[in-house]
Amino acid sequence: KRKLQFAFGNRPLTYLSTEGEAEIMQSRAEEAANKKGKKKNRD
């Protein structure tokens, strides 16, 4: 009964992001800038 309940009785969990596309693009740009800065410092 417990196995069947776990297999069929649970509802699927959904993930809703608290970040929008603008924040994601900004963080990617910051990461790219950090990588360029580290590369320039090594050069």
All heavy atoms as atom14 arrays in JSON, in Angstrom:
{
  "sequence": "KRKLQFAFGNRPLTYLSTEGEAEIMQSRAEEAANKKGKKKNRD",
  "atom14_mask": [
    [1, 1, 1, 1, 1, 1, 1, 1, 1, 0, 0, 0, 0, 0],
    [1, 1, 1, 1, 1, 1, 1, 1, 1, 1, 1, 0, 0, 0],
    [1, 1, 1, 1, 1, 1, 1, 1, 1, 0, 0, 0, 0, 0],
    [1, 1, 1, 1, 1, 1, 1, 1, 0, 0, 0, 0, 0, 0],
    [1, 1, 1, 1, 1, 1, 1, 1, 1, 0, 0, 0, 0, 0],
    [1, 1, 1, 1, 1, 1, 1, 1, 1, 1, 1, 0, 0, 0],
    [1, 1, 1, 1, 1, 0, 0, 0, 0, 0, 0, 0, 0, 0],
    [1, 1, 1, 1, 1, 1, 1, 1, 1, 1, 1, 0, 0, 0],
    [1, 1, 1, 1, 0, 0, 0, 0, 0, 0, 0, 0, 0, 0],
    [1, 1, 1, 1, 1, 1, 1, 1, 0, 0, 0, 0, 0, 0],
    [1, 1, 1, 1, 1, 1, 1, 1, 1, 1, 1, 0, 0, 0],
    [1, 1, 1, 1, 1, 1, 1, 0, 0, 0, 0, 0, 0, 0],
    [1, 1, 1, 1, 1, 1, 1, 1, 0, 0, 0, 0, 0, 0],
    [1, 1, 1, 1, 1, 1, 1, 0, 0, 0, 0, 0, 0, 0],
    [1, 1, 1, 1, 1, 1, 1, 1, 1, 1, 1, 1, 0, 0],
    [1, 1, 1, 1, 1, 1, 1, 1, 0, 0, 0, 0, 0, 0],
    [1, 1, 1, 1, 1, 1, 0, 0, 0, 0, 0, 0, 0, 0],
    [1, 1, 1, 1, 1, 1, 1, 0, 0, 0, 0, 0, 0, 0],
    [1, 1, 1, 1, 1, 1, 1, 1, 1, 0, 0, 0, 0, 0],
    [1, 1, 1, 1, 0, 0, 0, 0, 0, 0, 0, 0, 0, 0],
    [1, 1, 1, 1, 1, 1, 1, 1, 1, 0, 0, 0, 0, 0],
    [1, 1, 1, 1, 1, 0, 0, 0, 0, 0, 0, 0, 0, 0],
    [1, 1, 1, 1, 1, 1, 1, 1, 1, 0, 0, 0, 0, 0],
    [1, 1, 1, 1, 1, 1, 1, 1, 0, 0, 0, 0, 0, 0],
    [1, 1, 1, 1, 1, 1, 1, 1, 0, 0, 0, 0, 0, 0],
    [1, 1, 1, 1, 1, 1, 1, 1, 1, 0, 0, 0, 0, 0],
    [1, 1, 1, 1, 1, 1, 0, 0, 0, 0, 0, 0, 0, 0],
    [1, 1, 1, 1, 1, 1, 1, 1, 1, 1, 1, 0, 0, 0],
    [1, 1, 1, 1, 1, 0, 0, 0, 0, 0, 0, 0, 0, 0],
    [1, 1, 1, 1, 1, 1, 1, 1, 1, 0, 0, 0, 0, 0],
    [1, 1, 1, 1, 1, 1, 1, 1, 1, 0, 0, 0, 0, 0],
    [1, 1, 1, 1, 1, 0, 0, 0, 0, 0, 0, 0, 0, 0],
    [1, 1, 1, 1, 1, 0, 0, 0, 0, 0, 0, 0, 0, 0],
    [1, 1, 1, 1, 1, 1, 1, 1, 0, 0, 0, 0, 0, 0],
    [1, 1, 1, 1, 1, 1, 1, 1, 1, 0, 0, 0, 0, 0],
    [1, 1, 1, 1, 1, 1, 1, 1, 1, 0, 0, 0, 0, 0],
    [1, 1, 1, 1, 0, 0, 0, 0, 0, 0, 0, 0, 0, 0],
    [1, 1, 1, 1, 1, 1, 1, 1, 1, 0, 0, 0, 0, 0],
    [1, 1, 1, 1, 1, 1, 1, 1, 1, 0, 0, 0, 0, 0],
    [1, 1, 1, 1, 1, 1, 1, 1, 1, 0, 0, 0, 0, 0],
    [1, 1, 1, 1, 1, 1, 1, 1, 0, 0, 0, 0, 0, 0],
    [1, 1, 1, 1, 1, 1, 1, 1, 1, 1, 1, 0, 0, 0],
    [1, 1, 1, 1, 1, 1, 1, 1, 0, 0, 0, 0, 0, 0]
  ],
  "atom14_positions": [
    [[0.83, -1.2, 0.0], [0.0, 0.0, 0.0], [0.86, 1.25, 0.0], [0.6, 2.21, -0.73], [-0.91, 0.02, 1.23], [-2.1, -0.88, 1.14], [-2.93, -0.79, 2.4], [-4.02, -1.82, 2.42], [-4.76, -1.82, 3.7], [0.0, 0.0, 0.0], [0.0, 0.0, 0.0], [0.0, 0.0, 0.0], [0.0, 0.0, 0.0], [0.0, 0.0, 0.0]],
    [[1.91, 1.24, 0.8], [2.81, 2.39, 0.87], [3.55, 2.58, -0.45], [3.7, 3.7, -0.93], [3.79, 2.18, 2.02], [4.72, 3.3, 2.18], [4.8, 4.03, 3.45], [3.87, 3.85, 4.5], [4.22, 3.84, 5.77], [5.48, 3.92, 6.11], [3.31, 3.75, 6.7], [0.0, 0.0, 0.0], [0.0, 0.0, 0.0], [0.0, 0.0, 0.0]],
    [[4.0, 1.48, -1.07], [4.7, 1.6, -2.36], [3.77, 2.14, -3.44], [4.17, 2.98, -4.25], [5.25, 0.25, -2.8], [6.56, -0.11, -2.18], [7.16, -1.32, -2.85], [8.54, -1.55, -2.3], [9.29, -2.51, -3.07], [0.0, 0.0, 0.0], [0.0, 0.0, 0.0], [0.0, 0.0, 0.0], [0.0, 0.0, 0.0], [0.0, 0.0, 0.0]],
    [[2.54, 1.64, -3.49], [1.58, 2.13, -4.48], [1.23, 3.6, -4.23], [1.04, 4.37, -5.18], [0.34, 1.26, -4.49], [0.53, -0.15, -5.04], [-0.74, -0.98, -4.85], [0.92, -0.11, -6.49], [0.0, 0.0, 0.0], [0.0, 0.0, 0.0], [0.0, 0.0, 0.0], [0.0, 0.0, 0.0], [0.0, 0.0, 0.0], [0.0, 0.0, 0.0]],
    [[1.13, 3.97, -2.96], [0.85, 5.37, -2.64], [2.0, 6.26, -3.11], [1.77, 7.32, -3.69], [0.65, 5.53, -1.13], [0.4, 6.96, -0.71], [0.37, 7.11, 0.79], [0.56, 6.14, 1.53], [0.12, 8.31, 1.26], [0.0, 0.0, 0.0], [0.0, 0.0, 0.0], [0.0, 0.0, 0.0], [0.0, 0.0, 0.0], [0.0, 0.0, 0.0]],
    [[3.23, 5.83, -2.89], [4.37, 6.62, -3.33], [4.46, 6.67, -4.85], [4.86, 7.67, -5.43], [5.67, 6.08, -2.75], [5.83, 6.32, -1.28], [6.54, 5.44, -0.5], [5.29, 7.44, -0.67], [6.7, 5.66, 0.86], [5.44, 7.66, 0.68], [6.15, 6.78, 1.45], [0.0, 0.0, 0.0], [0.0, 0.0, 0.0], [0.0, 0.0, 0.0]],
    [[4.11, 5.57, -5.51], [4.23, 5.51, -6.96], [3.15, 6.32, -7.66], [3.42, 7.0, -8.65], [4.19, 4.06, -7.42], [0.0, 0.0, 0.0], [0.0, 0.0, 0.0], [0.0, 0.0, 0.0], [0.0, 0.0, 0.0], [0.0, 0.0, 0.0], [0.0, 0.0, 0.0], [0.0, 0.0, 0.0], [0.0, 0.0, 0.0], [0.0, 0.0, 0.0]],
    [[1.91, 6.26, -7.17], [0.8, 6.87, -7.89], [0.11, 8.0, -7.12], [-0.6, 8.8, -7.72], [-0.23, 5.81, -8.26], [0.33, 4.71, -9.1], [0.47, 3.43, -8.58], [0.74, 4.95, -10.39], [1.0, 2.41, -9.35], [1.27, 3.94, -11.17], [1.39, 2.67, -10.65], [0.0, 0.0, 0.0], [0.0, 0.0, 0.0], [0.0, 0.0, 0.0]],
    [[0.28, 8.05, -5.82], [-0.47, 9.03, -5.02], [0.21, 10.38, -4.86], [-0.45, 11.37, -4.56], [0.0, 0.0, 0.0], [0.0, 0.0, 0.0], [0.0, 0.0, 0.0], [0.0, 0.0, 0.0], [0.0, 0.0, 0.0], [0.0, 0.0, 0.0], [0.0, 0.0, 0.0], [0.0, 0.0, 0.0], [0.0, 0.0, 0.0], [0.0, 0.0, 0.0]],
    [[1.5, 10.44, -5.07], [2.21, 11.7, -4.9], [1.99, 12.59, -6.11], [2.04, 12.14, -7.24], [3.71, 11.46, -4.72], [4.02, 10.81, -3.4], [3.23, 10.88, -2.48], [5.17, 10.19, -3.3], [0.0, 0.0, 0.0], [0.0, 0.0, 0.0], [0.0, 0.0, 0.0], [0.0, 0.0, 0.0], [0.0, 0.0, 0.0], [0.0, 0.0, 0.0]],
    [[1.8, 13.85, -5.85], [1.68, 14.79, -6.96], [3.09, 15.24, -7.34], [3.97, 15.33, -6.49], [0.8, 15.96, -6.6], [1.28, 16.76, -5.41], [0.31, 17.89, -5.09], [0.73, 18.57, -3.88], [1.62, 19.55, -3.85], [2.17, 19.98, -4.96], [1.95, 20.12, -2.71], [0.0, 0.0, 0.0], [0.0, 0.0, 0.0], [0.0, 0.0, 0.0]],
    [[3.3, 15.55, -8.6], [4.64, 15.97, -9.01], [4.98, 17.35, -8.44], [4.12, 18.23, -8.37], [4.57, 16.0, -10.53], [3.13, 16.09, -10.85], [2.39, 15.46, -9.72], [0.0, 0.0, 0.0], [0.0, 0.0, 0.0], [0.0, 0.0, 0.0], [0.0, 0.0, 0.0], [0.0, 0.0, 0.0], [0.0, 0.0, 0.0], [0.0, 0.0, 0.0]],
    [[6.22, 17.5, -8.04], [6.68, 18.78, -7.53], [7.17, 19.63, -8.69], [7.87, 19.15, -9.57], [7.81, 18.56, -6.52], [7.44, 17.73, -5.29], [8.68, 17.52, -4.43], [6.37, 18.43, -4.48], [0.0, 0.0, 0.0], [0.0, 0.0, 0.0], [0.0, 0.0, 0.0], [0.0, 0.0, 0.0], [0.0, 0.0, 0.0], [0.0, 0.0, 0.0]],
    [[6.78, 20.89, -8.68], [7.21, 21.79, -9.74], [8.11, 22.86, -9.15], [7.93, 23.27, -8.0], [6.01, 22.45, -10.43], [5.23, 23.12, -9.45], [5.15, 21.41, -11.12], [0.0, 0.0, 0.0], [0.0, 0.0, 0.0], [0.0, 0.0, 0.0], [0.0, 0.0, 0.0], [0.0, 0.0, 0.0], [0.0, 0.0, 0.0], [0.0, 0.0, 0.0]],
    [[9.05, 23.29, -9.94], [9.98, 24.33, -9.5], [9.66, 25.61, -10.26], [9.61, 25.62, -11.49], [11.42, 23.91, -9.77], [12.42, 25.0, -9.51], [12.75, 25.36, -8.22], [13.02, 25.68, -10.56], [13.65, 26.37, -7.97], [13.93, 26.69, -10.32], [14.24, 27.03, -9.03], [15.13, 28.03, -8.78], [0.0, 0.0, 0.0], [0.0, 0.0, 0.0]],
    [[9.44, 26.67, -9.53], [9.24, 27.97, -10.13], [10.42, 28.84, -9.76], [10.71, 29.05, -8.58], [7.93, 28.61, -9.63], [6.66, 27.84, -9.97], [5.45, 28.5, -9.32], [6.46, 27.8, -11.47], [0.0, 0.0, 0.0], [0.0, 0.0, 0.0], [0.0, 0.0, 0.0], [0.0, 0.0, 0.0], [0.0, 0.0, 0.0], [0.0, 0.0, 0.0]],
    [[11.1, 29.35, -10.75], [12.29, 30.15, -10.52], [11.9, 31.53, -10.0], [10.91, 32.13, -10.44], [13.07, 30.29, -11.82], [14.17, 31.14, -11.62], [0.0, 0.0, 0.0], [0.0, 0.0, 0.0], [0.0, 0.0, 0.0], [0.0, 0.0, 0.0], [0.0, 0.0, 0.0], [0.0, 0.0, 0.0], [0.0, 0.0, 0.0], [0.0, 0.0, 0.0]],
    [[12.66, 32.02, -9.06], [12.42, 33.37, -8.54], [13.21, 34.39, -9.34], [13.04, 35.59, -9.14], [12.83, 33.45, -7.06], [14.21, 33.07, -6.95], [11.97, 32.53, -6.22], [0.0, 0.0, 0.0], [0.0, 0.0, 0.0], [0.0, 0.0, 0.0], [0.0, 0.0, 0.0], [0.0, 0.0, 0.0], [0.0, 0.0, 0.0], [0.0, 0.0, 0.0]],
    [[14.04, 33.93, -10.23], [14.83, 34.83, -11.06], [14.19, 34.96, -12.43], [13.66, 34.01, -12.98], [16.24, 34.27, -11.23], [16.97, 34.09, -9.92], [18.3, 33.38, -10.12], [18.53, 32.84, -11.21], [19.09, 33.38, -9.18], [0.0, 0.0, 0.0], [0.0, 0.0, 0.0], [0.0, 0.0, 0.0], [0.0, 0.0, 0.0], [0.0, 0.0, 0.0]],
    [[14.29, 36.15, -12.99], [13.8, 36.37, -14.33], [14.94, 36.23, -15.33], [16.09, 36.01, -14.98], [0.0, 0.0, 0.0], [0.0, 0.0, 0.0], [0.0, 0.0, 0.0], [0.0, 0.0, 0.0], [0.0, 0.0, 0.0], [0.0, 0.0, 0.0], [0.0, 0.0, 0.0], [0.0, 0.0, 0.0], [0.0, 0.0, 0.0], [0.0, 0.0, 0.0]],
    [[14.61, 36.39, -16.6], [15.63, 36.27, -17.64], [16.68, 37.36, -17.52], [17.86, 37.15, -17.81], [14.98, 36.31, -19.02], [14.26, 35.04, -19.38], [13.74, 35.08, -20.8], [14.47, 35.56, -21.68], [12.62, 34.62, -21.0], [0.0, 0.0, 0.0], [0.0, 0.0, 0.0], [0.0, 0.0, 0.0], [0.0, 0.0, 0.0], [0.0, 0.0, 0.0]],
    [[16.26, 38.55, -17.1], [17.2, 39.66, -17.0], [18.29, 39.36, -15.97], [19.48, 39.62, -16.22], [16.45, 40.94, -16.63], [0.0, 0.0, 0.0], [0.0, 0.0, 0.0], [0.0, 0.0, 0.0], [0.0, 0.0, 0.0], [0.0, 0.0, 0.0], [0.0, 0.0, 0.0], [0.0, 0.0, 0.0], [0.0, 0.0, 0.0], [0.0, 0.0, 0.0]],
    [[17.93, 38.82, -14.82], [18.91, 38.5, -13.78], [19.86, 37.4, -14.24], [21.06, 37.43, -13.96], [18.23, 38.08, -12.48], [17.57, 39.21, -11.72], [16.15, 39.47, -12.19], [15.66, 38.7, -13.05], [15.55, 40.45, -11.73], [0.0, 0.0, 0.0], [0.0, 0.0, 0.0], [0.0, 0.0, 0.0], [0.0, 0.0, 0.0], [0.0, 0.0, 0.0]],
    [[19.34, 36.42, -14.96], [20.18, 35.33, -15.45], [21.19, 35.86, -16.47], [22.38, 35.54, -16.42], [19.32, 34.2, -16.06], [18.49, 33.54, -14.96], [20.18, 33.17, -16.78], [17.47, 32.56, -15.46], [0.0, 0.0, 0.0], [0.0, 0.0, 0.0], [0.0, 0.0, 0.0], [0.0, 0.0, 0.0], [0.0, 0.0, 0.0], [0.0, 0.0, 0.0]],
    [[20.74, 36.7, -17.39], [21.64, 37.28, -18.39], [22.69, 38.15, -17.72], [23.87, 38.14, -18.11], [20.84, 38.09, -19.42], [19.89, 37.24, -20.25], [20.72, 35.94, -21.16], [21.38, 36.88, -22.5], [0.0, 0.0, 0.0], [0.0, 0.0, 0.0], [0.0, 0.0, 0.0], [0.0, 0.0, 0.0], [0.0, 0.0, 0.0], [0.0, 0.0, 0.0]],
    [[22.29, 38.89, -16.7], [23.24, 39.75, -15.98], [24.3, 38.91, -15.27], [25.49, 39.23, -15.31], [22.5, 40.62, -14.97], [23.39, 41.57, -14.21], [22.61, 42.37, -13.18], [21.41, 42.21, -13.03], [23.3, 43.24, -12.47], [0.0, 0.0, 0.0], [0.0, 0.0, 0.0], [0.0, 0.0, 0.0], [0.0, 0.0, 0.0], [0.0, 0.0, 0.0]],
    [[23.91, 37.82, -14.62], [24.89, 36.98, -13.92], [25.84, 36.32, -14.9], [27.03, 36.18, -14.63], [24.18, 35.94, -13.05], [23.51, 35.0, -13.85], [0.0, 0.0, 0.0], [0.0, 0.0, 0.0], [0.0, 0.0, 0.0], [0.0, 0.0, 0.0], [0.0, 0.0, 0.0], [0.0, 0.0, 0.0], [0.0, 0.0, 0.0], [0.0, 0.0, 0.0]],
    [[25.33, 35.92, -16.09], [26.21, 35.33, -17.11], [27.21, 36.37, -17.62], [28.37, 36.04, -17.86], [25.39, 34.78, -18.27], [24.67, 33.5, -17.91], [23.93, 32.94, -19.09], [23.22, 31.72, -18.71], [22.28, 31.17, -19.45], [21.94, 31.7, -20.6], [21.68, 30.07, -19.03], [0.0, 0.0, 0.0], [0.0, 0.0, 0.0], [0.0, 0.0, 0.0]],
    [[26.75, 37.6, -17.78], [27.65, 38.67, -18.24], [28.73, 38.93, -17.19], [29.91, 39.15, -17.53], [26.86, 39.93, -18.54], [0.0, 0.0, 0.0], [0.0, 0.0, 0.0], [0.0, 0.0, 0.0], [0.0, 0.0, 0.0], [0.0, 0.0, 0.0], [0.0, 0.0, 0.0], [0.0, 0.0, 0.0], [0.0, 0.0, 0.0], [0.0, 0.0, 0.0]],
    [[28.35, 38.91, -15.93], [29.32, 39.11, -14.85], [30.35, 37.98, -14.83], [31.54, 38.21, -14.64], [28.61, 39.2, -13.5], [27.85, 40.49, -13.3], [27.05, 40.48, -12.01], [27.13, 39.49, -11.24], [26.35, 41.47, -11.75], [0.0, 0.0, 0.0], [0.0, 0.0, 0.0], [0.0, 0.0, 0.0], [0.0, 0.0, 0.0], [0.0, 0.0, 0.0]],
    [[29.89, 36.74, -15.02], [30.82, 35.61, -15.06], [31.79, 35.73, -16.22], [32.99, 35.47, -16.09], [30.05, 34.29, -15.16], [29.33, 33.88, -13.89], [28.49, 32.63, -14.09], [28.57, 32.01, -15.17], [27.76, 32.28, -13.16], [0.0, 0.0, 0.0], [0.0, 0.0, 0.0], [0.0, 0.0, 0.0], [0.0, 0.0, 0.0], [0.0, 0.0, 0.0]],
    [[31.28, 36.15, -17.38], [32.15, 36.32, -18.55], [33.17, 37.43, -18.31], [34.34, 37.31, -18.67], [31.31, 36.61, -19.78], [0.0, 0.0, 0.0], [0.0, 0.0, 0.0], [0.0, 0.0, 0.0], [0.0, 0.0, 0.0], [0.0, 0.0, 0.0], [0.0, 0.0, 0.0], [0.0, 0.0, 0.0], [0.0, 0.0, 0.0], [0.0, 0.0, 0.0]],
    [[32.73, 38.52, -17.66], [33.65, 39.62, -17.36], [34.72, 39.17, -16.37], [35.89, 39.54, -16.5], [32.87, 40.81, -16.8], [0.0, 0.0, 0.0], [0.0, 0.0, 0.0], [0.0, 0.0, 0.0], [0.0, 0.0, 0.0], [0.0, 0.0, 0.0], [0.0, 0.0, 0.0], [0.0, 0.0, 0.0], [0.0, 0.0, 0.0], [0.0, 0.0, 0.0]],
    [[34.33, 38.38, -15.39], [35.3, 37.87, -14.42], [36.33, 36.96, -15.08], [37.52, 37.01, -14.76], [34.6, 37.11, -13.29], [33.87, 38.03, -12.33], [34.17, 39.22, -12.26], [32.92, 37.48, -11.61], [0.0, 0.0, 0.0], [0.0, 0.0, 0.0], [0.0, 0.0, 0.0], [0.0, 0.0, 0.0], [0.0, 0.0, 0.0], [0.0, 0.0, 0.0]],
    [[35.89, 36.13, -16.01], [36.82, 35.25, -16.72], [37.8, 36.06, -17.57], [38.99, 35.76, -17.62], [36.05, 34.26, -17.61], [35.38, 33.16, -16.84], [34.68, 32.2, -17.78], [33.94, 31.13, -16.99], [33.24, 30.21, -17.88], [0.0, 0.0, 0.0], [0.0, 0.0, 0.0], [0.0, 0.0, 0.0], [0.0, 0.0, 0.0], [0.0, 0.0, 0.0]],
    [[37.3, 37.13, -18.25], [38.18, 37.98, -19.04], [39.19, 38.69, -18.16], [40.36, 38.8, -18.5], [37.36, 39.02, -19.82], [36.74, 38.52, -21.07], [36.09, 39.65, -21.82], [35.46, 39.16, -23.11], [34.81, 40.26, -23.83], [0.0, 0.0, 0.0], [0.0, 0.0, 0.0], [0.0, 0.0, 0.0], [0.0, 0.0, 0.0], [0.0, 0.0, 0.0]],
    [[38.73, 39.17, -16.99], [39.62, 39.87, -16.07], [40.71, 38.94, -15.55], [41.88, 39.33, -15.44], [0.0, 0.0, 0.0], [0.0, 0.0, 0.0], [0.0, 0.0, 0.0], [0.0, 0.0, 0.0], [0.0, 0.0, 0.0], [0.0, 0.0, 0.0], [0.0, 0.0, 0.0], [0.0, 0.0, 0.0], [0.0, 0.0, 0.0], [0.0, 0.0, 0.0]],
    [[40.38, 37.73, -15.24], [41.36, 36.76, -14.75], [42.36, 36.42, -15.85], [43.55, 36.28, -15.61], [40.67, 35.49, -14.25], [39.93, 35.68, -12.95], [39.28, 34.39, -12.51], [38.52, 34.59, -11.2], [37.86, 33.38, -10.77], [0.0, 0.0, 0.0], [0.0, 0.0, 0.0], [0.0, 0.0, 0.0], [0.0, 0.0, 0.0], [0.0, 0.0, 0.0]],
    [[41.87, 36.32, -17.1], [42.75, 35.99, -18.21], [43.73, 37.13, -18.46], [44.92, 36.92, -18.7], [41.91, 35.71, -19.46], [42.7, 35.18, -20.61], [41.79, 34.81, -21.76], [42.6, 34.24, -22.9], [41.77, 33.89, -24.04], [0.0, 0.0, 0.0], [0.0, 0.0, 0.0], [0.0, 0.0, 0.0], [0.0, 0.0, 0.0], [0.0, 0.0, 0.0]],
    [[43.26, 38.4, -18.38], [44.13, 39.56, -18.57], [45.19, 39.63, -17.47], [46.35, 39.95, -17.74], [43.33, 40.86, -18.6], [42.56, 41.06, -19.87], [41.83, 42.36, -19.84], [41.03, 42.56, -21.12], [40.27, 43.81, -21.12], [0.0, 0.0, 0.0], [0.0, 0.0, 0.0], [0.0, 0.0, 0.0], [0.0, 0.0, 0.0], [0.0, 0.0, 0.0]],
    [[44.8, 39.34, -16.23], [45.75, 39.35, -15.12], [46.84, 38.3, -15.32], [48.0, 38.54, -15.02], [45.05, 39.12, -13.79], [44.24, 40.33, -13.34], [44.52, 41.44, -13.77], [43.26, 40.11, -12.49], [0.0, 0.0, 0.0], [0.0, 0.0, 0.0], [0.0, 0.0, 0.0], [0.0, 0.0, 0.0], [0.0, 0.0, 0.0], [0.0, 0.0, 0.0]],
    [[46.49, 37.13, -15.83], [47.48, 36.09, -16.09], [48.43, 36.52, -17.2], [49.62, 36.27, -17.13], [46.78, 34.77, -16.5], [46.36, 33.96, -15.31], [45.97, 32.57, -15.76], [44.51, 32.46, -15.58], [43.69, 31.77, -16.32], [44.13, 31.09, -17.33], [42.41, 31.75, -16.06], [0.0, 0.0, 0.0], [0.0, 0.0, 0.0], [0.0, 0.0, 0.0]],
    [[47.89, 37.16, -18.25], [48.73, 37.62, -19.37], [49.71, 38.69, -18.9], [50.86, 38.75, -19.34], [47.87, 38.15, -20.51], [47.08, 37.04, -21.2], [47.46, 35.85, -21.02], [46.07, 37.35, -21.87], [0.0, 0.0, 0.0], [0.0, 0.0, 0.0], [0.0, 0.0, 0.0], [0.0, 0.0, 0.0], [0.0, 0.0, 0.0], [0.0, 0.0, 0.0]]
  ]
}
